[in-house]
Amino acid sequence: MRKILLSLLLGVMLIGSVGCVLPAYSGDPAKRTQQLYNTSEDLRQSEETWERVWMVDQPSHMTPYRTHGGIT
């Protein structure tokens, strides 16, 4: 009984490290290329969304030259 439980535990641990049971992408090269393209496009757009969330894409309000600030 002990050997069966240990072998089941080892099997469960190995299944988790082997990979996904269902493949993430199709086996057809043309379809897989389209799926990979869509995934990379989503990742590219997520960078733009992240910049918009942190307001990094907004224009700078700082002047390109130094100003004294006092009356001259």
PDB file of N, CA and C in Angstrom:
ATOM      1  N   MET A   1       0.825  -1.193   0.000  1.00  0.00           N
ATOM      2  CA  MET A   1       0.000   0.000   0.000  1.00  0.00           C
ATOM      3  C   MET A   1       0.870   1.258   0.000  1.00  0.00           C
ATOM      4  N   ARG A   2       1.949   1.172   0.742  1.00  0.00           N
ATOM      5  CA  ARG A   2       2.849   2.319   0.847  1.00  0.00           C
ATOM      6  C   ARG A   2       3.516   2.611  -0.496  1.00  0.00           C
ATOM      7  N   LYS A   3       3.907   1.577  -1.227  1.00  0.00           N
ATOM      8  CA  LYS A   3       4.541   1.762  -2.528  1.00  0.00           C
ATOM      9  C   LYS A   3       3.570   2.376  -3.537  1.00  0.00           C
ATOM     10  N   ILE A   4       2.312   1.982  -3.454  1.00  0.00           N
ATOM     11  CA  ILE A   4       1.309   2.522  -4.371  1.00  0.00           C
ATOM     12  C   ILE A   4       1.104   4.012  -4.111  1.00  0.00           C
ATOM     13  N   LEU A   5       0.986   4.388  -2.846  1.00  0.00           N
ATOM     14  CA  LEU A   5       0.815   5.797  -2.506  1.00  0.00           C
ATOM     15  C   LEU A   5       2.028   6.627  -2.911  1.00  0.00           C
ATOM     16  N   LEU A   6       3.218   6.095  -2.689  1.00  0.00           N
ATOM     17  CA  LEU A   6       4.429   6.825  -3.082  1.00  0.00           C
ATOM     18  C   LEU A   6       4.533   6.955  -4.592  1.00  0.00           C
ATOM     19  N   SER A   7       4.165   5.898  -5.315  1.00  0.00           N
ATOM     20  CA  SER A   7       4.223   5.975  -6.775  1.00  0.00           C
ATOM     21  C   SER A   7       3.168   6.943  -7.308  1.00  0.00           C
ATOM     22  N   LEU A   8       1.980   6.992  -6.702  1.00  0.00           N
ATOM     23  CA  LEU A   8       0.967   7.964  -7.100  1.00  0.00           C
ATOM     24  C   LEU A   8       1.424   9.390  -6.825  1.00  0.00           C
ATOM     25  N   LEU A   9       2.021   9.607  -5.684  1.00  0.00           N
ATOM     26  CA  LEU A   9       2.542  10.927  -5.334  1.00  0.00           C
ATOM     27  C   LEU A   9       3.640  11.353  -6.304  1.00  0.00           C
ATOM     28  N   LEU A  10       4.531  10.442  -6.635  1.00  0.00           N
ATOM     29  CA  LEU A  10       5.595  10.729  -7.600  1.00  0.00           C
ATOM     30  C   LEU A  10       5.008  11.016  -8.982  1.00  0.00           C
ATOM     31  N   GLY A  11       3.988  10.249  -9.376  1.00  0.00           N
ATOM     32  CA  GLY A  11       3.336  10.472 -10.663  1.00  0.00           C
ATOM     33  C   GLY A  11       2.671  11.840 -10.743  1.00  0.00           C
ATOM     34  N   VAL A  12       2.002  12.244  -9.673  1.00  0.00           N
ATOM     35  CA  VAL A  12       1.358  13.564  -9.645  1.00  0.00           C
ATOM     36  C   VAL A  12       2.393  14.671  -9.726  1.00  0.00           C
ATOM     37  N   MET A  13       3.516  14.492  -9.053  1.00  0.00           N
ATOM     38  CA  MET A  13       4.572  15.501  -9.095  1.00  0.00           C
ATOM     39  C   MET A  13       5.194  15.588 -10.482  1.00  0.00           C
ATOM     40  N   LEU A  14       5.359  14.458 -11.152  1.00  0.00           N
ATOM     41  CA  LEU A  14       5.944  14.460 -12.489  1.00  0.00           C
ATOM     42  C   LEU A  14       5.000  15.038 -13.530  1.00  0.00           C
ATOM     43  N   ILE A  15       3.711  14.809 -13.371  1.00  0.00           N
ATOM     44  CA  ILE A  15       2.742  15.351 -14.319  1.00  0.00           C
ATOM     45  C   ILE A  15       2.785  16.875 -14.288  1.00  0.00           C
ATOM     46  N   GLY A  16       2.973  17.456 -13.131  1.00  0.00           N
ATOM     47  CA  GLY A  16       3.034  18.909 -13.013  1.00  0.00           C
ATOM     48  C   GLY A  16       4.267  19.512 -13.646  1.00  0.00           C
ATOM     49  N   SER A  17       5.343  18.739 -13.770  1.00  0.00           N
ATOM     50  CA  SER A  17       6.575  19.290 -14.320  1.00  0.00           C
ATOM     51  C   SER A  17       6.784  18.970 -15.794  1.00  0.00           C
ATOM     52  N   VAL A  18       5.961  18.109 -16.364  1.00  0.00           N
ATOM     53  CA  VAL A  18       6.140  17.703 -17.759  1.00  0.00           C
ATOM     54  C   VAL A  18       5.624  18.773 -18.708  1.00  0.00           C
ATOM     55  N   GLY A  19       4.480  19.321 -18.470  1.00  0.00           N
ATOM     56  CA  GLY A  19       3.894  20.318 -19.351  1.00  0.00           C
ATOM     57  C   GLY A  19       2.392  20.217 -19.329  1.00  0.00           C
ATOM     58  N   CYS A  20       1.785  20.959 -20.192  1.00  0.00           N
ATOM     59  CA  CYS A  20       0.322  20.990 -20.243  1.00  0.00           C
ATOM     60  C   CYS A  20      -0.209  19.740 -20.944  1.00  0.00           C
ATOM     61  N   VAL A  21      -1.314  19.214 -20.447  1.00  0.00           N
ATOM     62  CA  VAL A  21      -1.924  18.045 -21.052  1.00  0.00           C
ATOM     63  C   VAL A  21      -2.517  18.430 -22.406  1.00  0.00           C
ATOM     64  N   LEU A  22      -3.162  19.589 -22.472  1.00  0.00           N
ATOM     65  CA  LEU A  22      -3.707  20.100 -23.722  1.00  0.00           C
ATOM     66  C   LEU A  22      -2.737  21.130 -24.290  1.00  0.00           C
ATOM     67  N   PRO A  23      -2.372  21.008 -25.559  1.00  0.00           N
ATOM     68  CA  PRO A  23      -1.446  21.978 -26.135  1.00  0.00           C
ATOM     69  C   PRO A  23      -2.083  23.367 -26.238  1.00  0.00           C
ATOM     70  N   ALA A  24      -1.279  24.392 -26.049  1.00  0.00           N
ATOM     71  CA  ALA A  24      -1.793  25.757 -26.085  1.00  0.00           C
ATOM     72  C   ALA A  24      -2.072  26.209 -27.509  1.00  0.00           C
ATOM     73  N   TYR A  25      -1.321  25.686 -28.475  1.00  0.00           N
ATOM     74  CA  TYR A  25      -1.462  26.118 -29.859  1.00  0.00           C
ATOM     75  C   TYR A  25      -1.783  24.914 -30.749  1.00  0.00           C
ATOM     76  N   SER A  26      -2.299  25.191 -31.911  1.00  0.00           N
ATOM     77  CA  SER A  26      -2.702  24.155 -32.861  1.00  0.00           C
ATOM     78  C   SER A  26      -1.481  23.433 -33.435  1.00  0.00           C
ATOM     79  N   GLY A  27      -1.700  22.244 -33.962  1.00  0.00           N
ATOM     80  CA  GLY A  27      -0.627  21.495 -34.608  1.00  0.00           C
ATOM     81  C   GLY A  27      -0.407  21.918 -36.050  1.00  0.00           C
ATOM     82  N   ASP A  28      -1.391  22.570 -36.644  1.00  0.00           N
ATOM     83  CA  ASP A  28      -1.275  23.057 -38.020  1.00  0.00           C
ATOM     84  C   ASP A  28      -0.359  24.280 -38.044  1.00  0.00           C
ATOM     85  N   PRO A  29       0.730  24.251 -38.841  1.00  0.00           N
ATOM     86  CA  PRO A  29       1.685  25.378 -38.832  1.00  0.00           C
ATOM     87  C   PRO A  29       1.071  26.725 -39.194  1.00  0.00           C
ATOM     88  N   ALA A  30       0.157  26.757 -40.158  1.00  0.00           N
ATOM     89  CA  ALA A  30      -0.452  28.035 -40.554  1.00  0.00           C
ATOM     90  C   ALA A  30      -1.326  28.591 -39.439  1.00  0.00           C
ATOM     91  N   LYS A  31      -2.110  27.718 -38.821  1.00  0.00           N
ATOM     92  CA  LYS A  31      -2.984  28.154 -37.733  1.00  0.00           C
ATOM     93  C   LYS A  31      -2.164  28.553 -36.504  1.00  0.00           C
ATOM     94  N   ARG A  32      -1.102  27.790 -36.223  1.00  0.00           N
ATOM     95  CA  ARG A  32      -0.234  28.100 -35.083  1.00  0.00           C
ATOM     96  C   ARG A  32       0.454  29.451 -35.266  1.00  0.00           C
ATOM     97  N   THR A  33       0.875  29.748 -36.508  1.00  0.00           N
ATOM     98  CA  THR A  33       1.499  31.041 -36.785  1.00  0.00           C
ATOM     99  C   THR A  33       0.531  32.174 -36.493  1.00  0.00           C
ATOM    100  N   GLN A  34      -0.718  32.017 -36.915  1.00  0.00           N
ATOM    101  CA  GLN A  34      -1.720  33.052 -36.657  1.00  0.00           C
ATOM    102  C   GLN A  34      -1.982  33.201 -35.159  1.00  0.00           C
ATOM    103  N   GLN A  35      -2.014  32.086 -34.426  1.00  0.00           N
ATOM    104  CA  GLN A  35      -2.244  32.152 -32.989  1.00  0.00           C
ATOM    105  C   GLN A  35      -1.070  32.836 -32.278  1.00  0.00           C
ATOM    106  N   LEU A  36       0.147  32.519 -32.685  1.00  0.00           N
ATOM    107  CA  LEU A  36       1.323  33.164 -32.077  1.00  0.00           C
ATOM    108  C   LEU A  36       1.361  34.651 -32.402  1.00  0.00           C
ATOM    109  N   TYR A  37       0.959  35.012 -33.620  1.00  0.00           N
ATOM    110  CA  TYR A  37       0.910  36.424 -33.997  1.00  0.00           C
ATOM    111  C   TYR A  37      -0.097  37.171 -33.129  1.00  0.00           C
ATOM    112  N   ASN A  38      -1.273  36.571 -32.915  1.00  0.00           N
ATOM    113  CA  ASN A  38      -2.282  37.210 -32.068  1.00  0.00           C
ATOM    114  C   ASN A  38      -1.783  37.368 -30.638  1.00  0.00           C
ATOM    115  N   THR A  39      -1.083  36.368 -30.121  1.00  0.00           N
ATOM    116  CA  THR A  39      -0.548  36.444 -28.759  1.00  0.00           C
ATOM    117  C   THR A  39       0.477  37.556 -28.634  1.00  0.00           C
ATOM    118  N   SER A  40       1.394  37.659 -29.608  1.00  0.00           N
ATOM    119  CA  SER A  40       2.421  38.694 -29.532  1.00  0.00           C
ATOM    120  C   SER A  40       1.807  40.075 -29.705  1.00  0.00           C
ATOM    121  N   GLU A  41       0.756  40.190 -30.516  1.00  0.00           N
ATOM    122  CA  GLU A  41       0.086  41.483 -30.696  1.00  0.00           C
ATOM    123  C   GLU A  41      -0.595  41.905 -29.398  1.00  0.00           C
ATOM    124  N   ASP A  42      -1.181  40.955 -28.682  1.00  0.00           N
ATOM    125  CA  ASP A  42      -1.800  41.264 -27.396  1.00  0.00           C
ATOM    126  C   ASP A  42      -0.756  41.749 -26.402  1.00  0.00           C
ATOM    127  N   LEU A  43       0.421  41.127 -26.411  1.00  0.00           N
ATOM    128  CA  LEU A  43       1.471  41.548 -25.491  1.00  0.00           C
ATOM    129  C   LEU A  43       1.979  42.939 -25.847  1.00  0.00           C
ATOM    130  N   ARG A  44       2.040  43.261 -27.144  1.00  0.00           N
ATOM    131  CA  ARG A  44       2.501  44.584 -27.559  1.00  0.00           C
ATOM    132  C   ARG A  44       1.512  45.649 -27.098  1.00  0.00           C
ATOM    133  N   GLN A  45       0.237  45.367 -27.211  1.00  0.00           N
ATOM    134  CA  GLN A  45      -0.764  46.338 -26.805  1.00  0.00           C
ATOM    135  C   GLN A  45      -0.840  46.478 -25.292  1.00  0.00           C
ATOM    136  N   SER A  46      -0.455  45.446 -24.563  1.00  0.00           N
ATOM    137  CA  SER A  46      -0.491  45.549 -23.104  1.00  0.00           C
ATOM    138  C   SER A  46       0.532  46.552 -22.600  1.00  0.00           C
ATOM    139  N   GLU A  47       1.650  46.723 -23.324  1.00  0.00           N
ATOM    140  CA  GLU A  47       2.639  47.726 -22.923  1.00  0.00           C
ATOM    141  C   GLU A  47       2.060  49.127 -23.048  1.00  0.00           C
ATOM    142  N   GLU A  48       1.300  49.379 -24.127  1.00  0.00           N
ATOM    143  CA  GLU A  48       0.665  50.682 -24.295  1.00  0.00           C
ATOM    144  C   GLU A  48      -0.380  50.926 -23.205  1.00  0.00           C
ATOM    145  N   THR A  49      -1.112  49.895 -22.832  1.00  0.00           N
ATOM    146  CA  THR A  49      -2.091  50.030 -21.766  1.00  0.00           C
ATOM    147  C   THR A  49      -1.403  50.335 -20.444  1.00  0.00           C
ATOM    148  N   TRP A  50      -0.288  49.683 -20.181  1.00  0.00           N
ATOM    149  CA  TRP A  50       0.457  49.913 -18.943  1.00  0.00           C
ATOM    150  C   TRP A  50       0.956  51.355 -18.879  1.00  0.00           C
ATOM    151  N   GLU A  51       1.449  51.882 -20.012  1.00  0.00           N
ATOM    152  CA  GLU A  51       1.905  53.280 -20.029  1.00  0.00           C
ATOM    153  C   GLU A  51       0.738  54.224 -19.797  1.00  0.00           C
ATOM    154  N   ARG A  52      -0.428  53.907 -20.326  1.00  0.00           N
ATOM    155  CA  ARG A  52      -1.588  54.765 -20.128  1.00  0.00           C
ATOM    156  C   ARG A  52      -2.044  54.728 -18.670  1.00  0.00           C
ATOM    157  N   VAL A  53      -1.946  53.569 -18.017  1.00  0.00           N
ATOM    158  CA  VAL A  53      -2.346  53.458 -16.616  1.00  0.00           C
ATOM    159  C   VAL A  53      -1.444  54.320 -15.738  1.00  0.00           C
ATOM    160  N   TRP A  54      -0.135  54.286 -15.995  1.00  0.00           N
ATOM    161  CA  TRP A  54       0.810  55.063 -15.192  1.00  0.00           C
ATOM    162  C   TRP A  54       0.989  56.481 -15.726  1.00  0.00           C
ATOM    163  N   MET A  55       0.227  56.849 -16.767  1.00  0.00           N
ATOM    164  CA  MET A  55       0.264  58.173 -17.379  1.00  0.00           C
ATOM    165  C   MET A  55       1.653  58.557 -17.851  1.00  0.00           C
ATOM    166  N   VAL A  56       2.377  57.591 -18.377  1.00  0.00           N
ATOM    167  CA  VAL A  56       3.706  57.847 -18.919  1.00  0.00           C
ATOM    168  C   VAL A  56       3.591  58.370 -20.347  1.00  0.00           C
ATOM    169  N   ASP A  57       2.449  58.117 -20.988  1.00  0.00           N
ATOM    170  CA  ASP A  57       2.280  58.549 -22.365  1.00  0.00           C
ATOM    171  C   ASP A  57       1.810  59.995 -22.486  1.00  0.00           C
ATOM    172  N   GLN A  58       1.638  60.690 -21.353  1.00  0.00           N
ATOM    173  CA  GLN A  58       1.196  62.077 -21.375  1.00  0.00           C
ATOM    174  C   GLN A  58       2.371  63.003 -21.694  1.00  0.00           C
ATOM    175  N   PRO A  59       2.083  64.160 -22.306  1.00  0.00           N
ATOM    176  CA  PRO A  59       3.183  65.082 -22.607  1.00  0.00           C
ATOM    177  C   PRO A  59       3.745  65.695 -21.331  1.00  0.00           C
ATOM    178  N   SER A  60       4.994  66.054 -21.391  1.00  0.00           N
ATOM    179  CA  SER A  60       5.646  66.666 -20.241  1.00  0.00           C
ATOM    180  C   SER A  60       5.266  68.142 -20.155  1.00  0.00           C
ATOM    181  N   HIS A  61       5.016  68.624 -18.961  1.00  0.00           N
ATOM    182  CA  HIS A  61       4.685  70.034 -18.764  1.00  0.00           C
ATOM    183  C   HIS A  61       5.917  70.854 -18.399  1.00  0.00           C
ATOM    184  N   MET A  62       7.051  70.212 -18.348  1.00  0.00           N
ATOM    185  CA  MET A  62       8.285  70.924 -18.044  1.00  0.00           C
ATOM    186  C   MET A  62       8.772  71.637 -19.302  1.00  0.00           C
ATOM    187  N   THR A  63       9.339  72.815 -19.119  1.00  0.00           N
ATOM    188  CA  THR A  63       9.833  73.566 -20.277  1.00  0.00           C
ATOM    189  C   THR A  63      11.169  72.976 -20.713  1.00  0.00           C
ATOM    190  N   PRO A  64      11.488  73.062 -22.009  1.00  0.00           N
ATOM    191  CA  PRO A  64      12.757  72.507 -22.482  1.00  0.00           C
ATOM    192  C   PRO A  64      13.959  73.360 -22.104  1.00  0.00           C
ATOM    193  N   TYR A  65      13.729  74.555 -21.534  1.00  0.00           N
ATOM    194  CA  TYR A  65      14.826  75.428 -21.120  1.00  0.00           C
ATOM    195  C   TYR A  65      14.581  75.879 -19.688  1.00  0.00           C
ATOM    196  N   ARG A  66      15.633  76.252 -19.022  1.00  0.00           N
ATOM    197  CA  ARG A  66      15.525  76.651 -17.623  1.00  0.00           C
ATOM    198  C   ARG A  66      14.951  78.054 -17.504  1.00  0.00           C
ATOM    199  N   THR A  67      14.063  78.246 -16.582  1.00  0.00           N
ATOM    200  CA  THR A  67      13.504  79.575 -16.338  1.00  0.00           C
ATOM    201  C   THR A  67      13.910  80.016 -14.943  1.00  0.00           C
ATOM    202  N   HIS A  68      14.107  81.319 -14.771  1.00  0.00           N
ATOM    203  CA  HIS A  68      14.555  81.843 -13.485  1.00  0.00           C
ATOM    204  C   HIS A  68      13.421  81.844 -12.484  1.00  0.00           C
ATOM    205  N   GLY A  69      12.247  82.226 -12.908  1.00  0.00           N
ATOM    206  CA  GLY A  69      11.106  82.233 -12.030  1.00  0.00           C
ATOM    207  C   GLY A  69      10.900  83.580 -11.331  1.00  0.00           C
ATOM    208  N   GLY A  70      11.927  84.405 -11.297  1.00  0.00           N
ATOM    209  CA  GLY A  70      11.790  85.718 -10.656  1.00  0.00           C
ATOM    210  C   GLY A  70      11.523  86.798 -11.705  1.00  0.00           C
ATOM    211  N   ILE A  71      11.315  87.986 -11.213  1.00  0.00           N
ATOM    212  CA  ILE A  71      11.064  89.110 -12.112  1.00  0.00           C
ATOM    213  C   ILE A  71      12.417  89.632 -12.604  1.00  0.00           C
ATOM    214  N   THR A  72      12.554  89.744 -13.909  1.00  0.00           N
ATOM    215  CA  THR A  72      13.832  90.245 -14.447  1.00  0.00           C
ATOM    216  C   THR A  72      13.650  91.516 -15.191  1.00  0.00           C
TER     217      THR A  72
END
